[in-house]
N, C-alpha and C. Protein backbone atom coordinates (compact mmCIF):
# COMPACT_ATOMS: atom_id res chain seq x y z
N MET A 1 104.51 83.44 75.95
CA MET A 1 103.36 84.33 75.82
C MET A 1 102.07 83.55 76.11
N ASN A 2 101.06 84.28 76.54
CA ASN A 2 99.74 83.75 76.78
C ASN A 2 98.76 84.53 75.91
N TYR A 3 97.85 83.83 75.31
CA TYR A 3 96.96 84.47 74.34
C TYR A 3 95.49 84.30 74.71
N VAL A 4 94.74 85.37 74.53
CA VAL A 4 93.30 85.35 74.59
C VAL A 4 92.87 85.42 73.14
N TYR A 5 91.93 84.54 72.76
CA TYR A 5 91.56 84.46 71.35
C TYR A 5 90.04 84.37 71.18
N ILE A 6 89.64 84.74 70.00
CA ILE A 6 88.18 84.63 69.65
C ILE A 6 88.14 83.85 68.32
N LEU A 7 87.36 82.80 68.37
CA LEU A 7 87.13 82.00 67.16
C LEU A 7 85.73 82.25 66.68
N GLN A 8 85.50 82.14 65.40
CA GLN A 8 84.16 82.22 64.84
C GLN A 8 83.85 80.92 64.12
N SER A 9 82.73 80.36 64.43
CA SER A 9 82.28 79.14 63.76
C SER A 9 81.91 79.45 62.32
N LEU A 10 82.41 78.65 61.40
CA LEU A 10 82.00 78.78 60.01
C LEU A 10 80.68 78.09 59.74
N LYS A 11 80.21 77.34 60.76
CA LYS A 11 78.93 76.62 60.64
C LYS A 11 77.76 77.50 61.01
N ASN A 12 77.89 78.26 62.11
CA ASN A 12 76.75 79.09 62.53
C ASN A 12 77.11 80.51 62.97
N ASN A 13 78.37 80.90 62.71
CA ASN A 13 78.87 82.26 63.04
C ASN A 13 78.98 82.55 64.53
N SER A 14 78.80 81.58 65.41
CA SER A 14 78.92 81.80 66.85
C SER A 14 80.38 82.08 67.17
N LEU A 15 80.57 82.77 68.30
CA LEU A 15 81.91 83.11 68.75
C LEU A 15 82.31 82.29 69.94
N TYR A 16 83.57 81.93 70.00
CA TYR A 16 84.12 81.22 71.18
C TYR A 16 85.33 82.00 71.66
N ILE A 17 85.42 82.22 72.96
CA ILE A 17 86.50 82.95 73.57
C ILE A 17 87.30 82.01 74.47
N GLY A 18 88.62 82.06 74.34
CA GLY A 18 89.45 81.18 75.18
C GLY A 18 90.79 81.78 75.43
N TYR A 19 91.63 81.09 76.20
CA TYR A 19 93.01 81.53 76.39
C TYR A 19 93.92 80.31 76.42
N THR A 20 95.16 80.52 76.04
CA THR A 20 96.13 79.45 75.94
C THR A 20 97.54 79.98 75.88
N ALA A 21 98.52 79.13 76.14
CA ALA A 21 99.90 79.49 76.00
C ALA A 21 100.40 79.10 74.59
N ASN A 22 99.66 78.25 73.89
CA ASN A 22 100.11 77.82 72.56
C ASN A 22 98.93 77.98 71.59
N LEU A 23 98.85 79.13 70.96
CA LEU A 23 97.70 79.47 70.14
C LEU A 23 97.56 78.54 68.91
N LYS A 24 98.63 78.26 68.23
CA LYS A 24 98.58 77.39 67.04
C LYS A 24 98.04 76.00 67.42
N LYS A 25 98.60 75.42 68.48
CA LYS A 25 98.17 74.12 68.92
C LYS A 25 96.73 74.10 69.33
N ARG A 26 96.32 75.11 70.09
CA ARG A 26 94.93 75.17 70.57
C ARG A 26 93.96 75.35 69.44
N PHE A 27 94.26 76.16 68.47
CA PHE A 27 93.42 76.37 67.29
C PHE A 27 93.21 75.03 66.56
N LYS A 28 94.31 74.29 66.37
CA LYS A 28 94.17 72.96 65.71
C LYS A 28 93.30 72.02 66.53
N GLU A 29 93.43 72.05 67.87
CA GLU A 29 92.62 71.22 68.71
C GLU A 29 91.15 71.53 68.55
N HIS A 30 90.79 72.80 68.50
CA HIS A 30 89.40 73.17 68.28
C HIS A 30 88.89 72.62 66.97
N ASN A 31 89.65 72.79 65.90
CA ASN A 31 89.19 72.36 64.60
C ASN A 31 89.23 70.84 64.41
N ASN A 32 90.00 70.15 65.23
CA ASN A 32 90.09 68.69 65.16
C ASN A 32 89.09 68.04 66.09
N GLY A 33 88.25 68.82 66.77
CA GLY A 33 87.18 68.27 67.64
C GLY A 33 87.65 67.80 68.99
N LYS A 34 88.79 68.27 69.48
CA LYS A 34 89.30 67.83 70.75
C LYS A 34 88.75 68.64 71.93
N SER A 35 87.94 69.64 71.65
CA SER A 35 87.27 70.43 72.68
C SER A 35 85.78 70.17 72.60
N LEU A 36 85.21 69.63 73.64
CA LEU A 36 83.77 69.28 73.65
C LEU A 36 82.90 70.51 73.44
N ALA A 37 83.36 71.68 73.98
CA ALA A 37 82.55 72.90 73.87
C ALA A 37 82.43 73.40 72.44
N THR A 38 83.44 73.15 71.62
CA THR A 38 83.44 73.71 70.27
C THR A 38 83.24 72.63 69.18
N LYS A 39 83.34 71.38 69.53
CA LYS A 39 83.26 70.31 68.55
C LYS A 39 82.05 70.39 67.60
N PRO A 40 80.84 70.63 68.12
CA PRO A 40 79.67 70.60 67.24
C PRO A 40 79.60 71.76 66.25
N PHE A 41 80.40 72.80 66.44
CA PHE A 41 80.30 74.00 65.60
C PHE A 41 81.48 74.18 64.69
N ARG A 42 82.28 73.14 64.50
CA ARG A 42 83.47 73.22 63.59
C ARG A 42 83.01 73.36 62.17
N PRO A 43 83.86 73.93 61.33
CA PRO A 43 85.20 74.46 61.55
C PRO A 43 85.20 75.88 62.06
N TYR A 44 86.31 76.34 62.52
CA TYR A 44 86.48 77.67 63.09
C TYR A 44 87.53 78.46 62.33
N LYS A 45 87.42 79.77 62.40
CA LYS A 45 88.50 80.63 61.99
C LYS A 45 88.86 81.56 63.14
N LEU A 46 90.13 81.88 63.23
CA LEU A 46 90.62 82.77 64.27
C LEU A 46 90.34 84.20 63.79
N ILE A 47 89.60 84.98 64.57
CA ILE A 47 89.28 86.33 64.11
C ILE A 47 89.90 87.41 64.99
N PHE A 48 90.49 87.02 66.14
CA PHE A 48 91.09 88.00 67.04
C PHE A 48 91.93 87.31 68.07
N TYR A 49 93.09 87.92 68.43
CA TYR A 49 93.83 87.46 69.59
C TYR A 49 94.63 88.61 70.18
N GLU A 50 94.95 88.45 71.48
CA GLU A 50 95.77 89.39 72.22
C GLU A 50 96.81 88.56 72.92
N ALA A 51 98.02 89.13 73.08
CA ALA A 51 99.12 88.42 73.76
C ALA A 51 99.41 89.07 75.09
N PHE A 52 99.64 88.26 76.07
CA PHE A 52 100.00 88.73 77.44
C PHE A 52 101.25 87.96 77.91
N ILE A 53 102.10 88.66 78.61
CA ILE A 53 103.25 88.01 79.18
C ILE A 53 102.82 87.16 80.38
N ASN A 54 101.88 87.62 81.15
CA ASN A 54 101.47 86.95 82.38
C ASN A 54 100.21 86.15 82.15
N ARG A 55 100.20 84.87 82.61
CA ARG A 55 99.05 83.97 82.40
C ARG A 55 97.82 84.50 83.14
N ILE A 56 97.99 85.01 84.31
CA ILE A 56 96.83 85.53 85.09
C ILE A 56 96.18 86.69 84.38
N ASP A 57 96.97 87.57 83.76
CA ASP A 57 96.41 88.67 83.02
C ASP A 57 95.56 88.17 81.84
N ALA A 58 96.09 87.14 81.16
CA ALA A 58 95.33 86.55 80.03
C ALA A 58 94.03 85.94 80.51
N LYS A 59 94.07 85.19 81.60
CA LYS A 59 92.86 84.58 82.18
C LYS A 59 91.84 85.66 82.57
N ASN A 60 92.29 86.70 83.19
CA ASN A 60 91.39 87.80 83.58
C ASN A 60 90.74 88.46 82.35
N ARG A 61 91.51 88.65 81.31
CA ARG A 61 90.99 89.23 80.08
C ARG A 61 89.95 88.30 79.46
N GLU A 62 90.24 86.99 79.43
CA GLU A 62 89.26 86.01 78.89
C GLU A 62 87.97 86.11 79.69
N GLU A 63 88.04 86.15 81.01
CA GLU A 63 86.82 86.20 81.82
C GLU A 63 86.06 87.50 81.55
N TYR A 64 86.77 88.61 81.37
CA TYR A 64 86.10 89.87 81.06
C TYR A 64 85.38 89.77 79.71
N LEU A 65 86.07 89.25 78.69
CA LEU A 65 85.46 89.17 77.37
C LEU A 65 84.25 88.26 77.33
N LYS A 66 84.19 87.32 78.25
CA LYS A 66 83.03 86.42 78.35
C LYS A 66 81.85 87.07 79.11
N SER A 67 82.10 88.20 79.76
CA SER A 67 81.07 88.87 80.51
C SER A 67 80.20 89.73 79.58
N GLY A 68 79.14 90.29 80.12
CA GLY A 68 78.27 91.17 79.32
C GLY A 68 79.01 92.37 78.78
N TYR A 69 79.78 93.04 79.65
CA TYR A 69 80.56 94.20 79.17
C TYR A 69 81.61 93.75 78.16
N GLY A 70 82.15 92.59 78.36
CA GLY A 70 83.17 92.07 77.44
C GLY A 70 82.58 91.80 76.04
N ARG A 71 81.37 91.28 76.05
CA ARG A 71 80.70 91.05 74.72
C ARG A 71 80.48 92.36 73.99
N LYS A 72 80.15 93.41 74.78
CA LYS A 72 79.98 94.74 74.17
C LYS A 72 81.35 95.21 73.62
N THR A 73 82.39 94.96 74.38
CA THR A 73 83.74 95.35 73.92
C THR A 73 84.09 94.62 72.65
N ILE A 74 83.79 93.37 72.56
CA ILE A 74 84.09 92.61 71.32
C ILE A 74 83.32 93.18 70.16
N LYS A 75 82.05 93.47 70.39
CA LYS A 75 81.24 94.05 69.27
C LYS A 75 81.80 95.39 68.83
N GLY A 76 82.36 96.15 69.77
CA GLY A 76 82.96 97.42 69.41
C GLY A 76 84.29 97.26 68.67
N MET A 77 85.14 96.37 69.19
CA MET A 77 86.46 96.12 68.57
C MET A 77 86.33 95.56 67.17
N LEU A 78 85.37 94.67 66.99
CA LEU A 78 85.23 93.93 65.71
C LEU A 78 84.02 94.43 64.92
N ARG A 79 83.58 95.62 65.17
CA ARG A 79 82.35 96.15 64.56
C ARG A 79 82.32 95.95 63.04
N ARG A 80 83.36 96.39 62.37
CA ARG A 80 83.33 96.30 60.89
C ARG A 80 83.38 94.86 60.40
N TYR A 81 84.19 94.06 61.06
CA TYR A 81 84.27 92.66 60.69
C TYR A 81 82.92 91.95 60.84
N LEU A 82 82.33 92.12 62.02
CA LEU A 82 81.05 91.46 62.31
C LEU A 82 79.90 92.03 61.44
N LYS A 83 79.96 93.34 61.15
CA LYS A 83 78.93 93.97 60.33
C LYS A 83 78.93 93.37 58.90
N ASN A 84 80.11 93.06 58.40
CA ASN A 84 80.25 92.47 57.06
C ASN A 84 80.06 90.96 57.01
N GLY A 85 79.63 90.42 58.13
CA GLY A 85 79.36 89.00 58.16
C GLY A 85 80.55 88.10 58.25
N GLY A 86 81.70 88.70 58.61
CA GLY A 86 82.91 87.87 58.78
C GLY A 86 83.63 87.68 57.57
């Protein structure tokens, strides 16, 4: 399986969107500082993920969620969660 995921920083509440074939391993890497993009904002919690059989489908979904319309989609999907401050 291939996963698109959204992490939320417990430091500043920022969101990070990514994709991977191994969600548990990737989540640990983010929290252990192995990703330069997320290292300064650790620790993270996983707040959303989707599973895809095809890697290209997962990559396309990640790119969409990182776009302007994708950010709107995230706010809609996670409206209650984000409204309550996580």
